[in-house]
Amino acid sequence: MEESEFRERVTHVLEEVRPYLNADGGDVEFVRFKEAGGVLEVRWLGTCRICPISKLTLRAGVERALMNGLPEVRRVEAVEE
């Protein structure tokens, strides 16, 4: 699969969870996908960067949605770069 097609699929899934994050002043963006381990990296934006429950949101919301929508994703990690 081409990188642009994969990026488009990621964006589509993130659009599904984005309204929940935006409601509290936060957001998330795709950074990169490490195909070898199936790790998708995202970056928190807005209030999500400082939210004490962002790890829970990552696992229970963002990661679950991405893994359901993209079978090649095995784990999602938040990065700060």
C-alpha atoms as a PDB file:
ATOM      1  CA  MET A   1       0.000   0.000   0.000  1.00  0.00           C
ATOM      2  CA  GLU A   2       1.238   3.483  -0.809  1.00  0.00           C
ATOM      3  CA  GLU A   3       2.113   5.837   2.018  1.00  0.00           C
ATOM      4  CA  SER A   4      -0.409   8.427   0.838  1.00  0.00           C
ATOM      5  CA  GLU A   5      -3.208   5.838   0.851  1.00  0.00           C
ATOM      6  CA  PHE A   6      -2.267   4.705   4.352  1.00  0.00           C
ATOM      7  CA  ARG A   7      -2.102   8.329   5.573  1.00  0.00           C
ATOM      8  CA  GLU A   8      -5.575   8.912   4.133  1.00  0.00           C
ATOM      9  CA  ARG A   9      -6.947   5.869   5.984  1.00  0.00           C
ATOM     10  CA  VAL A  10      -5.357   7.078   9.244  1.00  0.00           C
ATOM     11  CA  THR A  11      -6.842  10.529   8.744  1.00  0.00           C
ATOM     12  CA  HIS A  12     -10.281   9.029   8.167  1.00  0.00           C
ATOM     13  CA  VAL A  13     -10.138   7.071  11.441  1.00  0.00           C
ATOM     14  CA  LEU A  14      -8.825  10.083  13.375  1.00  0.00           C
ATOM     15  CA  GLU A  15     -11.724  12.150  12.032  1.00  0.00           C
ATOM     16  CA  GLU A  16     -14.066   9.754  13.833  1.00  0.00           C
ATOM     17  CA  VAL A  17     -12.460  10.371  17.261  1.00  0.00           C
ATOM     18  CA  ARG A  18     -11.531  14.014  16.737  1.00  0.00           C
ATOM     19  CA  PRO A  19     -14.926  15.481  17.803  1.00  0.00           C
ATOM     20  CA  TYR A  20     -14.539  13.920  21.262  1.00  0.00           C
ATOM     21  CA  LEU A  21     -11.083  15.438  21.652  1.00  0.00           C
ATOM     22  CA  ASN A  22     -12.119  18.807  20.215  1.00  0.00           C
ATOM     23  CA  ALA A  23     -14.988  19.036  22.717  1.00  0.00           C
ATOM     24  CA  ASP A  24     -12.382  19.478  25.458  1.00  0.00           C
ATOM     25  CA  GLY A  25     -10.025  21.686  23.447  1.00  0.00           C
ATOM     26  CA  GLY A  26      -7.706  18.907  22.326  1.00  0.00           C
ATOM     27  CA  ASP A  27      -6.708  17.144  19.143  1.00  0.00           C
ATOM     28  CA  VAL A  28      -4.400  14.469  17.769  1.00  0.00           C
ATOM     29  CA  GLU A  29      -2.308  14.197  14.619  1.00  0.00           C
ATOM     30  CA  PHE A  30      -0.603  11.360  12.786  1.00  0.00           C
ATOM     31  CA  VAL A  31       3.213  11.461  12.966  1.00  0.00           C
ATOM     32  CA  ARG A  32       4.491   8.217  11.415  1.00  0.00           C
ATOM     33  CA  PHE A  33       3.916   4.507  11.046  1.00  0.00           C
ATOM     34  CA  LYS A  34       6.675   2.022  11.834  1.00  0.00           C
ATOM     35  CA  GLU A  35       5.689  -0.853   9.621  1.00  0.00           C
ATOM     36  CA  ALA A  36       8.171  -3.345  11.108  1.00  0.00           C
ATOM     37  CA  GLY A  37       6.435  -3.393  14.505  1.00  0.00           C
ATOM     38  CA  GLY A  38       3.032  -2.093  13.456  1.00  0.00           C
ATOM     39  CA  VAL A  39       3.479   0.968  15.698  1.00  0.00           C
ATOM     40  CA  LEU A  40       1.592   4.100  14.731  1.00  0.00           C
ATOM     41  CA  GLU A  41       2.821   7.309  16.359  1.00  0.00           C
ATOM     42  CA  VAL A  42       0.562  10.264  17.075  1.00  0.00           C
ATOM     43  CA  ARG A  43       1.089  13.661  18.660  1.00  0.00           C
ATOM     44  CA  TRP A  44      -1.316  15.229  21.141  1.00  0.00           C
ATOM     45  CA  LEU A  45      -2.356  18.814  20.455  1.00  0.00           C
ATOM     46  CA  GLY A  46      -4.146  21.429  22.529  1.00  0.00           C
ATOM     47  CA  THR A  47      -5.306  20.454  25.991  1.00  0.00           C
ATOM     48  CA  CYS A  48      -4.607  16.769  25.291  1.00  0.00           C
ATOM     49  CA  ARG A  49      -0.879  17.529  25.686  1.00  0.00           C
ATOM     50  CA  ILE A  50      -1.350  18.331  29.381  1.00  0.00           C
ATOM     51  CA  CYS A  51      -4.378  16.207  30.232  1.00  0.00           C
ATOM     52  CA  PRO A  52      -3.772  13.781  33.105  1.00  0.00           C
ATOM     53  CA  ILE A  53      -5.928  11.106  31.463  1.00  0.00           C
ATOM     54  CA  SER A  54      -4.427  11.332  27.972  1.00  0.00           C
ATOM     55  CA  LYS A  55      -2.904   7.842  28.352  1.00  0.00           C
ATOM     56  CA  LEU A  56      -6.364   6.423  29.012  1.00  0.00           C
ATOM     57  CA  THR A  57      -7.755   8.351  26.047  1.00  0.00           C
ATOM     58  CA  LEU A  58      -4.936   7.007  23.893  1.00  0.00           C
ATOM     59  CA  ARG A  59      -5.573   3.360  24.789  1.00  0.00           C
ATOM     60  CA  ALA A  60      -9.357   3.321  25.159  1.00  0.00           C
ATOM     61  CA  GLY A  61     -10.233   5.738  22.373  1.00  0.00           C
ATOM     62  CA  VAL A  62      -7.593   6.562  19.806  1.00  0.00           C
ATOM     63  CA  GLU A  63      -5.713   3.249  19.778  1.00  0.00           C
ATOM     64  CA  ARG A  64      -8.894   1.182  19.749  1.00  0.00           C
ATOM     65  CA  ALA A  65     -10.322   3.156  16.813  1.00  0.00           C
ATOM     66  CA  LEU A  66      -7.074   2.971  14.835  1.00  0.00           C
ATOM     67  CA  MET A  67      -6.602  -0.751  15.453  1.00  0.00           C
ATOM     68  CA  ASN A  68     -10.200  -1.462  14.452  1.00  0.00           C
ATOM     69  CA  GLY A  69      -9.922   0.616  11.285  1.00  0.00           C
ATOM     70  CA  LEU A  70      -6.389  -0.350  10.281  1.00  0.00           C
ATOM     71  CA  PRO A  71      -5.552  -4.027  10.791  1.00  0.00           C
ATOM     72  CA  GLU A  72      -1.836  -3.411  10.207  1.00  0.00           C
ATOM     73  CA  VAL A  73      -1.672  -1.240  13.350  1.00  0.00           C
ATOM     74  CA  ARG A  74      -0.660  -3.280  16.396  1.00  0.00           C
ATOM     75  CA  ARG A  75       0.001  -0.429  18.852  1.00  0.00           C
ATOM     76  CA  VAL A  76      -0.363   3.348  19.038  1.00  0.00           C
ATOM     77  CA  GLU A  77       2.130   5.530  20.872  1.00  0.00           C
ATOM     78  CA  ALA A  78       2.070   9.250  21.650  1.00  0.00           C
ATOM     79  CA  VAL A  79       5.282  11.131  20.845  1.00  0.00           C
ATOM     80  CA  GLU A  80       6.294  14.691  21.626  1.00  0.00           C
ATOM     81  CA  GLU A  81       8.509  15.549  18.685  1.00  0.00           C
END
